[in-house]
Amino acid sequence: MPMIRACRERGCRGDANGGRRGFCARHVRSTAQRGYGPAHKAARAQLKRSLPAPCAYGCGRVLRPSNPFHAAHVMDGDPSAGWVAACGTCNQRAKSGLLRPVATAVVVGVAR
């Protein structure tokens, strides 16, 4: 019998199985609610035009427009701080607060 994963919403006992990013059908959030709305799409397009470039976190990987890359929040979850182009591994590590973009990284989407 498969294990049922509980919804990540506090107090909910709904079934989160089925690829809903840890939420049940009642609490699943849209891409815009998760911070990936029109501003993120525009920033991603702008970052793609700046490639090829090294990963913003300094791992040494060169990001190319034809390969997958992440438009990572400079400050996780805060779109007002802007976005940088990052490899998937570094983006995941940055979410834990262990990494910050290097000073030479191209930052887009910052209100001036």
N, C-alpha and C. Protein backbone atom coordinates (compact mmCIF):
# COMPACT_ATOMS: atom_id res chain seq x y z
N MET A 1 0.85 -1.17 0.00
CA MET A 1 0.00 0.00 0.00
C MET A 1 0.90 1.25 0.00
N PRO A 2 0.67 2.21 -0.91
CA PRO A 2 1.51 3.42 -0.96
C PRO A 2 1.28 4.32 0.25
N MET A 3 2.36 4.99 0.65
CA MET A 3 2.28 5.89 1.79
C MET A 3 1.60 7.20 1.37
N ILE A 4 0.73 7.72 2.21
CA ILE A 4 0.05 8.98 1.93
C ILE A 4 0.86 10.11 2.55
N ARG A 5 1.18 11.10 1.73
CA ARG A 5 1.89 12.28 2.21
C ARG A 5 0.88 13.33 2.62
N ALA A 6 1.08 13.90 3.80
CA ALA A 6 0.16 14.93 4.30
C ALA A 6 0.46 16.26 3.61
N CYS A 7 -0.55 17.06 3.43
CA CYS A 7 -0.45 18.40 2.86
C CYS A 7 0.46 19.27 3.72
N ARG A 8 1.25 20.16 3.09
CA ARG A 8 2.15 21.07 3.81
C ARG A 8 1.42 22.23 4.47
N GLU A 9 0.16 22.44 4.14
CA GLU A 9 -0.62 23.52 4.76
C GLU A 9 -0.87 23.17 6.22
N ARG A 10 -0.56 24.11 7.09
CA ARG A 10 -0.68 23.87 8.53
C ARG A 10 -2.11 23.44 8.90
N GLY A 11 -2.21 22.32 9.62
CA GLY A 11 -3.50 21.83 10.09
C GLY A 11 -4.28 21.01 9.09
N CYS A 12 -3.82 20.91 7.85
CA CYS A 12 -4.54 20.15 6.83
C CYS A 12 -4.07 18.70 6.83
N ARG A 13 -5.00 17.78 6.71
CA ARG A 13 -4.65 16.36 6.65
C ARG A 13 -4.93 15.80 5.26
N GLY A 14 -5.04 16.69 4.29
CA GLY A 14 -5.32 16.26 2.92
C GLY A 14 -4.17 15.47 2.32
N ASP A 15 -4.47 14.71 1.29
CA ASP A 15 -3.50 13.87 0.59
C ASP A 15 -2.70 14.72 -0.39
N ALA A 16 -1.38 14.81 -0.19
CA ALA A 16 -0.53 15.62 -1.05
C ALA A 16 0.13 14.81 -2.16
N ASN A 17 -0.21 13.55 -2.31
CA ASN A 17 0.37 12.75 -3.39
C ASN A 17 -0.18 13.23 -4.73
N GLY A 18 0.59 13.05 -5.76
CA GLY A 18 0.11 13.43 -7.09
C GLY A 18 0.85 14.62 -7.68
N GLY A 19 2.02 14.96 -7.18
CA GLY A 19 2.83 16.00 -7.81
C GLY A 19 2.32 17.41 -7.63
N ARG A 20 1.83 17.76 -6.47
CA ARG A 20 1.32 19.11 -6.25
C ARG A 20 2.24 19.92 -5.34
N ARG A 21 3.53 19.66 -5.40
CA ARG A 21 4.54 20.37 -4.61
C ARG A 21 4.27 20.32 -3.11
N GLY A 22 3.74 19.17 -2.65
CA GLY A 22 3.53 18.98 -1.23
C GLY A 22 2.21 19.47 -0.69
N PHE A 23 1.33 19.96 -1.55
CA PHE A 23 0.03 20.45 -1.11
C PHE A 23 -1.08 19.57 -1.67
N CYS A 24 -2.19 19.51 -0.94
CA CYS A 24 -3.37 18.79 -1.44
C CYS A 24 -4.04 19.65 -2.52
N ALA A 25 -5.03 19.09 -3.18
CA ALA A 25 -5.71 19.81 -4.26
C ALA A 25 -6.35 21.11 -3.77
N ARG A 26 -6.78 21.16 -2.53
CA ARG A 26 -7.42 22.36 -1.99
C ARG A 26 -6.43 23.50 -1.74
N HIS A 27 -5.17 23.18 -1.43
CA HIS A 27 -4.19 24.19 -1.05
C HIS A 27 -3.07 24.41 -2.06
N VAL A 28 -3.12 23.74 -3.18
CA VAL A 28 -2.06 23.93 -4.17
C VAL A 28 -2.05 25.39 -4.63
N ARG A 29 -0.84 25.96 -4.77
CA ARG A 29 -0.71 27.38 -5.15
C ARG A 29 -0.32 27.50 -6.62
N SER A 30 -0.78 28.55 -7.26
CA SER A 30 -0.45 28.79 -8.67
C SER A 30 1.01 29.23 -8.80
N THR A 31 1.52 29.24 -10.02
CA THR A 31 2.89 29.70 -10.23
C THR A 31 3.04 31.16 -9.80
N ALA A 32 2.04 31.98 -10.06
CA ALA A 32 2.12 33.39 -9.66
C ALA A 32 2.13 33.52 -8.13
N GLN A 33 1.34 32.70 -7.43
CA GLN A 33 1.32 32.73 -5.97
C GLN A 33 2.66 32.28 -5.38
N ARG A 34 3.40 31.45 -6.11
CA ARG A 34 4.70 30.98 -5.64
C ARG A 34 5.82 31.93 -6.05
N GLY A 35 5.50 33.06 -6.70
CA GLY A 35 6.51 34.04 -7.06
C GLY A 35 7.04 33.91 -8.47
N TYR A 36 6.33 33.21 -9.33
CA TYR A 36 6.79 33.00 -10.71
C TYR A 36 5.77 33.52 -11.72
N GLY A 37 5.32 34.75 -11.52
CA GLY A 37 4.35 35.37 -12.40
C GLY A 37 5.01 36.11 -13.55
N PRO A 38 4.35 37.12 -14.10
CA PRO A 38 4.87 37.86 -15.26
C PRO A 38 6.23 38.51 -15.03
N ALA A 39 6.48 39.02 -13.83
CA ALA A 39 7.79 39.65 -13.55
C ALA A 39 8.91 38.62 -13.63
N HIS A 40 8.66 37.42 -13.13
CA HIS A 40 9.68 36.36 -13.19
C HIS A 40 9.92 35.94 -14.63
N LYS A 41 8.87 35.82 -15.40
CA LYS A 41 9.03 35.43 -16.81
C LYS A 41 9.82 36.47 -17.58
N ALA A 42 9.56 37.75 -17.32
CA ALA A 42 10.31 38.82 -17.98
C ALA A 42 11.78 38.80 -17.55
N ALA A 43 12.02 38.58 -16.27
CA ALA A 43 13.41 38.51 -15.78
C ALA A 43 14.13 37.32 -16.40
N ARG A 44 13.45 36.20 -16.52
CA ARG A 44 14.06 35.01 -17.13
C ARG A 44 14.45 35.27 -18.57
N ALA A 45 13.58 35.95 -19.32
CA ALA A 45 13.89 36.29 -20.71
C ALA A 45 15.09 37.22 -20.79
N GLN A 46 15.15 38.19 -19.88
CA GLN A 46 16.28 39.13 -19.85
C GLN A 46 17.58 38.40 -19.49
N LEU A 47 17.51 37.49 -18.52
CA LEU A 47 18.70 36.72 -18.14
C LEU A 47 19.17 35.84 -19.30
N LYS A 48 18.23 35.26 -20.02
CA LYS A 48 18.58 34.39 -21.14
C LYS A 48 19.38 35.16 -22.18
N ARG A 49 19.04 36.45 -22.38
CA ARG A 49 19.78 37.28 -23.34
C ARG A 49 21.20 37.58 -22.86
N SER A 50 21.46 37.46 -21.54
CA SER A 50 22.79 37.73 -21.00
C SER A 50 23.70 36.49 -21.05
N LEU A 51 23.16 35.35 -21.45
CA LEU A 51 23.94 34.12 -21.52
C LEU A 51 24.64 33.99 -22.87
N PRO A 52 25.78 33.31 -22.96
CA PRO A 52 26.43 32.51 -21.94
C PRO A 52 27.10 33.36 -20.88
N ALA A 53 27.05 32.83 -19.65
CA ALA A 53 27.65 33.49 -18.49
C ALA A 53 27.86 32.44 -17.41
N PRO A 54 28.77 32.70 -16.48
CA PRO A 54 28.94 31.74 -15.38
C PRO A 54 27.76 31.78 -14.43
N CYS A 55 27.55 30.68 -13.72
CA CYS A 55 26.51 30.60 -12.69
C CYS A 55 26.74 31.73 -11.70
N ALA A 56 25.68 32.41 -11.32
CA ALA A 56 25.77 33.57 -10.42
C ALA A 56 26.34 33.23 -9.05
N TYR A 57 26.34 31.95 -8.68
CA TYR A 57 26.84 31.56 -7.37
C TYR A 57 28.31 31.15 -7.38
N GLY A 58 28.97 31.27 -8.53
CA GLY A 58 30.41 31.06 -8.59
C GLY A 58 30.88 29.63 -8.60
N CYS A 59 30.04 28.69 -9.00
CA CYS A 59 30.45 27.28 -9.01
C CYS A 59 31.36 26.95 -10.19
N GLY A 60 31.41 27.84 -11.19
CA GLY A 60 32.26 27.62 -12.35
C GLY A 60 31.52 27.10 -13.57
N ARG A 61 30.30 26.66 -13.41
CA ARG A 61 29.52 26.14 -14.54
C ARG A 61 29.12 27.30 -15.44
N VAL A 62 29.30 27.13 -16.73
CA VAL A 62 28.90 28.15 -17.71
C VAL A 62 27.48 27.83 -18.16
N LEU A 63 26.59 28.79 -18.00
CA LEU A 63 25.19 28.64 -18.40
C LEU A 63 25.02 29.14 -19.82
N ARG A 64 24.30 28.39 -20.61
CA ARG A 64 24.08 28.74 -22.02
C ARG A 64 22.58 28.87 -22.28
N PRO A 65 22.18 29.74 -23.20
CA PRO A 65 20.75 29.94 -23.44
C PRO A 65 20.04 28.68 -23.94
N SER A 66 20.77 27.76 -24.56
CA SER A 66 20.16 26.54 -25.09
C SER A 66 20.02 25.44 -24.04
N ASN A 67 20.60 25.65 -22.84
CA ASN A 67 20.54 24.64 -21.77
C ASN A 67 19.67 25.15 -20.62
N PRO A 68 19.17 24.23 -19.80
CA PRO A 68 18.34 24.65 -18.66
C PRO A 68 19.13 25.51 -17.67
N PHE A 69 18.49 26.53 -17.14
CA PHE A 69 19.05 27.36 -16.08
C PHE A 69 17.90 27.89 -15.25
N HIS A 70 18.21 28.37 -14.06
CA HIS A 70 17.19 28.90 -13.17
C HIS A 70 17.31 30.41 -13.08
N ALA A 71 16.18 31.10 -13.11
CA ALA A 71 16.14 32.52 -12.78
C ALA A 71 15.89 32.56 -11.28
N ALA A 72 16.97 32.62 -10.53
CA ALA A 72 16.92 32.49 -9.07
C ALA A 72 16.71 33.83 -8.39
N HIS A 73 15.88 33.84 -7.36
CA HIS A 73 15.71 35.05 -6.56
C HIS A 73 17.04 35.37 -5.87
N VAL A 74 17.47 36.62 -5.91
CA VAL A 74 18.69 37.02 -5.21
C VAL A 74 18.52 36.74 -3.72
N MET A 75 17.38 37.12 -3.18
CA MET A 75 17.01 36.78 -1.80
C MET A 75 15.81 35.85 -1.92
N ASP A 76 15.96 34.61 -1.47
CA ASP A 76 14.94 33.60 -1.70
C ASP A 76 13.54 34.09 -1.30
N GLY A 77 12.63 34.00 -2.25
CA GLY A 77 11.24 34.38 -2.02
C GLY A 77 10.95 35.86 -2.09
N ASP A 78 11.96 36.69 -2.40
CA ASP A 78 11.76 38.14 -2.45
C ASP A 78 12.04 38.66 -3.85
N PRO A 79 11.02 38.75 -4.71
CA PRO A 79 11.23 39.20 -6.08
C PRO A 79 11.71 40.64 -6.19
N SER A 80 11.51 41.46 -5.16
CA SER A 80 11.94 42.85 -5.24
C SER A 80 13.46 42.99 -5.23
N ALA A 81 14.18 41.94 -4.82
CA ALA A 81 15.64 41.97 -4.79
C ALA A 81 16.24 41.59 -6.15
N GLY A 82 15.41 41.11 -7.08
CA GLY A 82 15.87 40.77 -8.41
C GLY A 82 16.18 39.29 -8.57
N TRP A 83 16.63 38.94 -9.78
CA TRP A 83 16.93 37.56 -10.13
C TRP A 83 18.31 37.47 -10.76
N VAL A 84 18.92 36.28 -10.65
CA VAL A 84 20.20 35.98 -11.28
C VAL A 84 20.08 34.64 -11.99
N ALA A 85 20.94 34.41 -12.97
CA ALA A 85 20.98 33.12 -13.68
C ALA A 85 21.84 32.16 -12.88
N ALA A 86 21.28 30.99 -12.58
CA ALA A 86 21.99 30.01 -11.76
C ALA A 86 21.76 28.61 -12.28
N CYS A 87 22.68 27.71 -11.96
CA CYS A 87 22.47 26.29 -12.26
C CYS A 87 21.50 25.75 -11.21
N GLY A 88 20.84 24.66 -11.50
CA GLY A 88 19.84 24.10 -10.58
C GLY A 88 20.41 23.71 -9.23
N THR A 89 21.61 23.14 -9.22
CA THR A 89 22.22 22.71 -7.96
C THR A 89 22.46 23.90 -7.05
N CYS A 90 23.07 24.95 -7.57
CA CYS A 90 23.34 26.14 -6.76
C CYS A 90 22.05 26.81 -6.30
N ASN A 91 21.03 26.84 -7.15
CA ASN A 91 19.76 27.46 -6.77
C ASN A 91 19.16 26.73 -5.57
N GLN A 92 19.20 25.41 -5.57
CA GLN A 92 18.67 24.64 -4.45
C GLN A 92 19.48 24.90 -3.18
N ARG A 93 20.81 24.96 -3.29
CA ARG A 93 21.65 25.24 -2.13
C ARG A 93 21.41 26.65 -1.60
N ALA A 94 21.16 27.60 -2.50
CA ALA A 94 20.92 28.99 -2.08
C ALA A 94 19.63 29.11 -1.29
N LYS A 95 18.65 28.26 -1.57
CA LYS A 95 17.38 28.32 -0.84
C LYS A 95 17.57 28.03 0.64
N SER A 96 18.63 27.31 0.99
CA SER A 96 18.89 27.02 2.39
C SER A 96 19.66 28.15 3.08
N GLY A 97 20.04 29.17 2.30
CA GLY A 97 20.77 30.30 2.86
C GLY A 97 22.27 30.12 2.88
N LEU A 98 22.76 29.02 2.28
CA LEU A 98 24.19 28.74 2.30
C LEU A 98 24.99 29.50 1.24
N LEU A 99 24.31 29.97 0.21
CA LEU A 99 25.01 30.65 -0.88
C LEU A 99 24.42 32.03 -1.14
N ARG A 100 25.26 32.92 -1.61
CA ARG A 100 24.84 34.24 -2.08
C ARG A 100 25.49 34.45 -3.45
N PRO A 101 24.83 35.21 -4.34
CA PRO A 101 25.44 35.48 -5.64
C PRO A 101 26.77 36.23 -5.50
N VAL A 102 27.68 35.95 -6.43
CA VAL A 102 28.96 36.67 -6.43
C VAL A 102 28.72 38.11 -6.87
N ALA A 103 29.63 38.98 -6.53
CA ALA A 103 29.48 40.42 -6.79
C ALA A 103 29.36 40.75 -8.27
N THR A 104 29.96 39.93 -9.13
CA THR A 104 29.95 40.21 -10.57
C THR A 104 28.73 39.64 -11.29
N ALA A 105 27.83 38.99 -10.58
CA ALA A 105 26.65 38.39 -11.21
C ALA A 105 25.71 39.46 -11.76
N VAL A 106 25.12 39.16 -12.92
CA VAL A 106 24.13 40.05 -13.52
C VAL A 106 22.82 39.89 -12.76
N VAL A 107 22.30 41.00 -12.23
CA VAL A 107 21.02 40.99 -11.50
C VAL A 107 20.02 41.76 -12.34
N VAL A 108 18.85 41.16 -12.58
CA VAL A 108 17.80 41.83 -13.35
C VAL A 108 16.54 41.94 -12.51
N GLY A 109 15.67 42.87 -12.90
CA GLY A 109 14.36 42.99 -12.28
C GLY A 109 14.33 43.76 -10.99
N VAL A 110 15.35 44.56 -10.73
CA VAL A 110 15.38 45.35 -9.49
C VAL A 110 14.81 46.72 -9.78
N ALA A 111 13.82 47.12 -8.98
CA ALA A 111 13.24 48.47 -9.15
C ALA A 111 14.27 49.51 -8.73
N ARG A 112 14.45 50.54 -9.55
CA ARG A 112 15.44 51.57 -9.23
C ARG A 112 14.77 52.87 -8.90
